[in-house]
Amino acid sequence: MQDNKNILQDSHGRQHTYLRISLIERCNLRCSYCMPEEGVQLSPKSHLMSYEEIYDIAKTFVKHGVTKIRLTGGEPLIRKDIPIILEKLATLPVELSITSNAVIIDKFIQILKLNGVQKINVSLDSLDREKFKQITRRDEFQKVHDNILLLVKEGFTVKVNAVLMKGFNDNEIIDFINFTKDLPISVRFIEFMPFDGNKWDISKMVSYKEIMDKVNEVFTDDNVERLQDAPNDTSKNYKIKGHKGSFAIISTVTNPFCDSCNRLRLTANGQLKNCLFSSKESDLLSVLRSGKSIESVIQKAVEAKLKVRGGMDTLEKLKEPKLHSNNRSMITIGG
């Protein structure tokens, strides 16, 4: 059917071994860069993947070479059947991980452990309670902070993701790095990216260079250690000598890592996105429900993946609203 070619290899020779699955479009926070202020039109429940469908689709991807699955949302832990989803996916030969805002993760410690989930990414954009409340529109900072400490205590590998926005939290870069002094966590600074409804403007973005300039204002060169990045890593990793943890920069806008991209995304309503920035989607769920094979749909979607950022290969194109306003809001893509 596929002329013996792996269906997860695109036309640029990139092999896709990492699948991010969004379980739900809803969230218990309302982060401004993720969810438009007016909210989003949610998919009807009947249009969302059931846990059986999530498993069946995931199994097909694993059959063809996916070795890592990350569960995202919205907030994946507010989905009522999350224990069953974890239990089903844990039977597959993959590294299973999860991204959460950590508001309720303390209730799931044992379930995560039982199903082999070791790596947790926590979204946290400010270490200041008032700023946290401003950006999330919820007063849950202390809970999130305490749960990060709990995850570390329980032996999980924790990464803290912070989306930087100029004039809002860019003055917390050093505070975040100091957060790694006594905790074995990785803080990852993410450049603010354009999605539908998040009022993106390049002037709000804090670039890789600007982040490192702030780091170098406080720490001398011999104290900033460049770490070895993992294969297909999205981040450039660093460590301050003497700190238990590390920090990294995900520079999707100013230094895209598209050449080594191995990621695909499955939305909660069963649409395959071959790139975070692409507005094009391929409907796997309807094909699955019709009783047909989804493999040819996957192959066609992967082959169509563009070389750089869904075709936005320059900053000028990225600045053009019409090129990214047809994409989903981040909440309905999956973090």
Protein backbone atom coordinates (compact mmCIF):
# COMPACT_ATOMS: atom_id res chain seq x y z
CA MET A 1 0.00 0.00 0.00
CA GLN A 2 2.80 2.39 0.90
CA ASP A 3 5.45 0.98 -1.50
CA ASN A 4 7.37 -0.23 1.57
CA LYS A 5 8.03 3.36 2.59
CA ASN A 6 7.46 4.23 6.22
CA ILE A 7 4.26 6.26 6.39
CA LEU A 8 5.78 8.50 9.08
CA GLN A 9 8.61 9.79 6.88
CA ASP A 10 7.95 13.08 5.13
CA SER A 11 9.18 14.35 1.78
CA HIS A 12 12.15 16.03 3.47
CA GLY A 13 13.39 12.76 4.96
CA ARG A 14 12.25 13.50 8.52
CA GLN A 15 11.13 10.46 10.48
CA HIS A 16 8.30 11.08 12.97
CA THR A 17 8.61 9.13 16.21
CA TYR A 18 6.83 11.48 18.63
CA LEU A 19 3.05 11.87 18.83
CA ARG A 20 1.36 14.48 21.00
CA ILE A 21 -2.27 13.61 21.74
CA SER A 22 -4.69 16.24 23.01
CA LEU A 23 -7.32 14.59 25.20
CA ILE A 24 -9.64 17.53 25.79
CA GLU A 25 -10.24 21.10 24.63
CA ARG A 26 -11.27 22.37 28.05
CA CYS A 27 -8.99 23.66 30.79
CA ASN A 28 -9.31 24.79 34.40
CA LEU A 29 -7.14 27.85 33.63
CA ARG A 30 -7.63 30.56 30.99
CA CYS A 31 -4.10 31.53 29.89
CA SER A 32 -4.30 34.48 27.53
CA TYR A 33 -1.70 33.22 25.01
CA CYS A 34 -3.53 29.90 24.78
CA MET A 35 -7.24 30.68 25.00
CA PRO A 36 -8.93 33.73 23.46
CA GLU A 37 -10.54 36.00 26.07
CA GLU A 38 -13.99 35.25 24.70
CA GLY A 39 -13.36 31.51 24.97
CA VAL A 40 -13.51 28.99 22.13
CA GLN A 41 -16.21 27.02 20.37
CA LEU A 42 -15.83 23.56 21.89
CA SER A 43 -16.34 20.42 19.85
CA PRO A 44 -19.50 18.49 20.77
CA LYS A 45 -18.69 15.54 23.02
CA SER A 46 -19.69 13.12 20.26
CA HIS A 47 -16.96 14.63 18.05
CA LEU A 48 -14.18 13.91 20.56
CA MET A 49 -12.16 10.71 20.56
CA SER A 50 -13.25 8.07 23.04
CA TYR A 51 -10.57 6.28 25.03
CA GLU A 52 -10.91 3.27 22.71
CA GLU A 53 -10.40 5.50 19.66
CA ILE A 54 -7.39 7.21 21.24
CA TYR A 55 -5.87 3.79 21.85
CA ASP A 56 -6.65 2.49 18.34
CA ILE A 57 -5.14 5.53 16.65
CA ALA A 58 -2.10 5.52 18.94
CA LYS A 59 -1.58 1.80 18.25
CA THR A 60 -1.41 2.51 14.50
CA PHE A 61 1.23 5.20 15.01
CA VAL A 62 3.28 2.93 17.27
CA LYS A 63 3.08 0.15 14.67
CA HIS A 64 4.81 2.49 12.22
CA GLY A 65 7.54 3.78 14.49
CA VAL A 66 6.25 6.19 17.14
CA THR A 67 8.24 5.61 20.33
CA LYS A 68 7.05 8.54 22.44
CA ILE A 69 3.54 9.75 23.25
CA ARG A 70 2.78 12.90 25.23
CA LEU A 71 -0.73 13.60 26.51
CA THR A 72 -1.85 17.23 26.45
CA GLY A 73 -5.05 19.27 26.63
CA GLY A 74 -6.49 21.73 27.41
CA GLU A 75 -5.78 20.20 30.77
CA PRO A 76 -5.63 16.42 30.25
CA LEU A 77 -6.22 15.57 33.91
CA ILE A 78 -9.74 17.03 33.93
CA ARG A 79 -10.87 14.35 31.50
CA LYS A 80 -12.88 11.88 33.61
CA ASP A 81 -11.57 8.74 31.90
CA ILE A 82 -7.90 9.75 32.15
CA PRO A 83 -7.09 6.68 34.34
CA ILE A 84 -8.40 4.35 31.61
CA ILE A 85 -6.58 6.26 28.87
CA LEU A 86 -3.31 6.00 30.79
CA GLU A 87 -3.86 2.31 31.48
CA LYS A 88 -4.56 1.55 27.80
CA LEU A 89 -1.64 3.57 26.41
CA ALA A 90 0.73 2.10 29.01
CA THR A 91 0.36 -1.27 27.28
CA LEU A 92 2.08 0.13 24.17
CA PRO A 93 5.90 0.03 23.83
CA VAL A 94 6.34 3.80 24.12
CA GLU A 95 7.64 6.42 26.52
CA LEU A 96 4.44 7.92 27.94
CA SER A 97 4.54 11.47 29.32
CA ILE A 98 2.11 14.29 30.07
CA THR A 99 1.84 18.08 30.01
CA SER A 100 -0.27 19.63 32.77
CA ASN A 101 -0.87 22.93 34.52
CA ALA A 102 -0.45 20.93 37.76
CA VAL A 103 -3.47 22.45 39.50
CA ILE A 104 -4.91 19.00 40.37
CA ILE A 105 -1.97 16.73 39.60
CA ASP A 106 -1.51 15.83 43.27
CA LYS A 107 -4.63 13.65 42.95
CA PHE A 108 -3.02 11.59 40.19
CA ILE A 109 0.44 10.80 41.56
CA GLN A 110 -0.18 7.08 42.06
CA ILE A 111 -2.08 6.67 38.77
CA LEU A 112 0.80 8.28 36.88
CA LYS A 113 3.34 6.05 38.62
CA LEU A 114 1.30 2.88 38.06
CA ASN A 115 1.23 3.57 34.32
CA GLY A 116 4.91 4.37 33.94
CA VAL A 117 4.59 8.12 33.44
CA GLN A 118 7.90 9.54 34.61
CA LYS A 119 8.22 12.83 32.72
CA ILE A 120 5.90 15.73 33.54
CA ASN A 121 5.88 19.12 31.82
CA VAL A 122 4.24 21.83 33.91
CA SER A 123 3.07 25.11 32.38
CA LEU A 124 3.95 28.04 34.66
CA ASP A 125 4.44 31.53 33.24
CA SER A 126 5.11 33.52 36.40
CA LEU A 127 6.54 33.01 39.87
CA ASP A 128 4.53 35.99 41.06
CA ARG A 129 1.06 35.18 42.38
CA GLU A 130 -0.60 38.34 41.04
CA LYS A 131 0.93 37.94 37.60
CA PHE A 132 -0.07 34.29 37.58
CA LYS A 133 -3.64 35.31 38.37
CA GLN A 134 -3.53 37.95 35.64
CA ILE A 135 -2.39 35.62 32.88
CA THR A 136 -4.39 32.54 33.89
CA ARG A 137 -7.45 34.44 35.12
CA ARG A 138 -7.40 32.08 38.12
CA ASP A 139 -5.83 32.28 41.62
CA GLU A 140 -4.05 28.91 41.66
CA PHE A 141 -0.39 29.87 41.93
CA GLN A 142 0.28 28.37 45.35
CA LYS A 143 -1.31 25.07 44.36
CA VAL A 144 0.79 24.83 41.21
CA HIS A 145 3.98 25.79 43.07
CA ASP A 146 3.34 23.24 45.82
CA ASN A 147 2.56 20.52 43.28
CA ILE A 148 5.83 21.13 41.42
CA LEU A 149 7.64 20.54 44.70
CA LEU A 150 5.51 17.42 45.28
CA LEU A 151 6.33 16.02 41.84
CA VAL A 152 10.04 16.48 42.49
CA LYS A 153 9.70 14.83 45.90
CA GLU A 154 7.86 11.89 44.32
CA GLY A 155 10.73 11.34 41.88
CA PHE A 156 9.24 12.61 38.63
CA THR A 157 11.37 14.31 35.98
CA VAL A 158 9.89 17.81 35.85
CA LYS A 159 10.17 20.49 33.19
CA VAL A 160 8.59 23.89 33.78
CA ASN A 161 7.44 25.66 30.61
CA ALA A 162 7.27 29.47 30.69
CA VAL A 163 6.02 31.46 27.71
CA LEU A 164 7.83 34.81 27.83
CA MET A 165 6.07 38.05 26.89
CA LYS A 166 7.81 41.39 26.78
CA GLY A 167 6.70 43.81 29.46
CA PHE A 168 4.90 41.08 31.37
CA ASN A 169 7.20 38.34 32.63
CA ASP A 170 10.51 38.93 30.87
CA ASN A 171 11.77 40.52 34.11
CA GLU A 172 11.40 37.07 35.75
CA ILE A 173 13.99 35.26 33.62
CA ILE A 174 16.61 35.33 36.38
CA ASP A 175 14.00 34.42 39.02
CA PHE A 176 13.12 31.33 36.99
CA ILE A 177 16.79 30.40 36.62
CA ASN A 178 17.26 30.80 40.36
CA PHE A 179 14.27 28.47 40.79
CA THR A 180 16.59 25.74 39.45
CA LYS A 181 19.25 26.35 42.10
CA ASP A 182 17.90 23.90 44.67
CA LEU A 183 15.46 21.92 42.53
CA PRO A 184 16.43 19.31 39.91
CA ILE A 185 14.04 20.74 37.33
CA SER A 186 14.46 22.18 33.87
CA VAL A 187 12.89 25.60 33.27
CA ARG A 188 12.20 26.11 29.58
CA PHE A 189 11.65 29.60 28.19
CA ILE A 190 9.35 29.53 25.16
CA GLU A 191 9.11 32.30 22.60
CA PHE A 192 5.59 33.70 22.32
CA MET A 193 4.03 32.14 19.20
CA PRO A 194 1.10 33.27 17.02
CA PHE A 195 -2.22 31.41 17.23
CA ASP A 196 -5.81 32.33 16.55
CA GLY A 197 -7.15 34.80 19.12
CA ASN A 198 -4.00 35.28 21.21
CA LYS A 199 -3.24 38.81 19.91
CA TRP A 200 0.30 37.87 18.94
CA ASP A 201 2.65 40.62 17.94
CA ILE A 202 6.35 40.19 17.34
CA SER A 203 7.02 43.20 19.59
CA LYS A 204 5.69 41.14 22.53
CA MET A 205 8.10 38.30 21.84
CA VAL A 206 11.29 37.79 23.85
CA SER A 207 13.87 36.26 21.53
CA TYR A 208 16.56 33.69 22.23
CA LYS A 209 19.21 36.41 22.01
CA GLU A 210 17.35 38.69 24.43
CA ILE A 211 17.00 35.86 26.94
CA MET A 212 20.70 35.04 26.80
CA ASP A 213 21.60 38.74 27.08
CA LYS A 214 19.68 38.89 30.37
CA VAL A 215 21.38 35.69 31.57
CA ASN A 216 24.82 37.07 30.73
CA GLU A 217 24.10 40.30 32.59
CA VAL A 218 23.87 38.31 35.84
CA PHE A 219 25.99 35.20 35.32
CA THR A 220 29.56 35.20 34.01
CA ASP A 221 30.45 33.12 30.95
CA ASP A 222 32.35 30.55 33.00
CA ASN A 223 29.26 29.95 35.15
CA VAL A 224 26.89 29.35 32.21
CA GLU A 225 27.37 25.81 30.95
CA ARG A 226 26.03 24.77 27.53
CA LEU A 227 24.56 21.28 27.82
CA GLN A 228 24.33 18.59 25.17
CA ASP A 229 20.93 18.70 23.50
CA ALA A 230 19.11 15.42 22.97
CA PRO A 231 18.45 14.22 19.40
CA ASN A 232 15.40 16.01 17.91
CA ASP A 233 15.38 18.36 20.90
CA THR A 234 13.35 21.55 20.51
CA SER A 235 15.38 23.39 23.12
CA LYS A 236 18.88 24.73 23.59
CA ASN A 237 19.90 23.63 27.06
CA TYR A 238 22.02 25.37 29.68
CA LYS A 239 22.96 25.04 33.32
CA ILE A 240 24.31 27.44 35.89
CA LYS A 241 27.25 25.77 37.59
CA GLY A 242 26.29 24.71 41.10
CA HIS A 243 22.55 24.60 40.36
CA LYS A 244 20.73 21.29 40.75
CA GLY A 245 18.52 22.07 37.78
CA SER A 246 18.95 23.59 34.33
CA PHE A 247 17.27 25.98 31.91
CA ALA A 248 16.54 25.89 28.21
CA ILE A 249 15.20 28.07 25.42
CA ILE A 250 12.66 26.95 22.83
CA SER A 251 13.14 29.49 20.05
CA THR A 252 10.45 28.39 17.60
CA VAL A 253 10.20 31.86 16.08
CA THR A 254 13.75 33.19 15.85
CA ASN A 255 15.65 29.88 15.57
CA PRO A 256 13.24 27.21 14.33
CA PHE A 257 14.26 23.59 14.78
CA CYS A 258 12.24 22.32 11.81
CA ASP A 259 15.14 20.42 10.19
CA SER A 260 15.10 17.83 12.94
CA CYS A 261 11.38 17.86 13.74
CA ASN A 262 10.00 14.42 14.58
CA ARG A 263 6.62 15.55 15.99
CA LEU A 264 3.03 15.07 14.96
CA ARG A 265 -0.09 16.26 16.78
CA LEU A 266 -3.48 14.64 17.21
CA THR A 267 -6.25 16.99 18.35
CA ALA A 268 -8.96 15.95 20.79
CA ASN A 269 -11.45 15.71 17.93
CA GLY A 270 -9.22 13.35 15.99
CA GLN A 271 -7.55 15.68 13.49
CA LEU A 272 -3.91 15.08 12.60
CA LYS A 273 -1.74 18.21 12.40
CA ASN A 274 1.64 17.65 10.79
CA CYS A 275 2.96 20.96 12.15
CA LEU A 276 2.02 23.21 15.05
CA PHE A 277 1.91 26.22 12.70
CA SER A 278 -0.06 24.59 9.89
CA SER A 279 -3.75 25.36 9.50
CA LYS A 280 -4.26 22.17 7.51
CA GLU A 281 -5.63 19.09 9.27
CA SER A 282 -6.38 15.50 8.32
CA ASP A 283 -9.46 13.82 9.72
CA LEU A 284 -8.47 10.48 11.25
CA LEU A 285 -11.49 10.06 13.52
CA SER A 286 -14.15 10.02 10.80
CA VAL A 287 -12.11 7.52 8.78
CA LEU A 288 -11.65 5.31 11.84
CA ARG A 289 -15.37 5.45 12.66
CA SER A 290 -16.23 4.46 9.10
CA GLY A 291 -14.27 1.25 9.59
CA LYS A 292 -11.54 2.16 7.10
CA SER A 293 -7.78 2.15 7.60
CA ILE A 294 -6.28 5.45 8.72
CA GLU A 295 -2.80 4.59 7.43
CA SER A 296 -3.18 6.18 3.99
CA VAL A 297 -4.55 9.37 5.56
CA ILE A 298 -1.56 9.51 7.93
CA GLN A 299 0.88 8.94 5.08
CA LYS A 300 -0.64 11.68 2.93
CA ALA A 301 -0.62 14.16 5.85
CA VAL A 302 2.99 13.41 6.76
CA GLU A 303 4.20 13.62 3.16
CA ALA A 304 2.57 17.06 2.85
CA LYS A 305 4.49 18.50 5.81
CA LEU A 306 6.26 21.68 4.75
CA LYS A 307 9.93 22.27 5.48
CA VAL A 308 9.61 25.20 7.89
CA ARG A 309 6.79 26.35 10.25
CA GLY A 310 3.86 25.38 8.06
CA GLY A 311 5.29 27.40 5.16
CA MET A 312 6.04 30.53 7.19
CA ASP A 313 9.76 30.32 6.51
CA THR A 314 10.56 33.98 7.21
CA LEU A 315 9.75 36.40 10.03
CA GLU A 316 7.97 38.58 7.49
CA LYS A 317 5.53 35.77 6.70
CA LEU A 318 5.09 35.07 10.40
CA LYS A 319 4.13 38.72 10.94
CA GLU A 320 1.33 38.42 8.37
CA PRO A 321 -1.87 37.76 10.41
CA LYS A 322 -3.75 36.06 7.59
CA LEU A 323 -1.10 33.32 7.45
CA HIS A 324 -1.67 32.18 11.03
CA SER A 325 -5.17 33.39 11.94
CA ASN A 326 -6.72 30.42 10.13
CA ASN A 327 -4.97 28.08 12.55
CA ARG A 328 -6.68 26.94 15.73
CA SER A 329 -6.23 28.61 19.07
CA MET A 330 -3.61 26.80 21.15
CA ILE A 331 -6.22 25.42 23.57
CA THR A 332 -7.79 23.34 20.78
CA ILE A 333 -4.47 22.19 19.30
CA GLY A 334 -2.95 20.82 22.47
CA GLY A 335 0.06 22.20 24.35
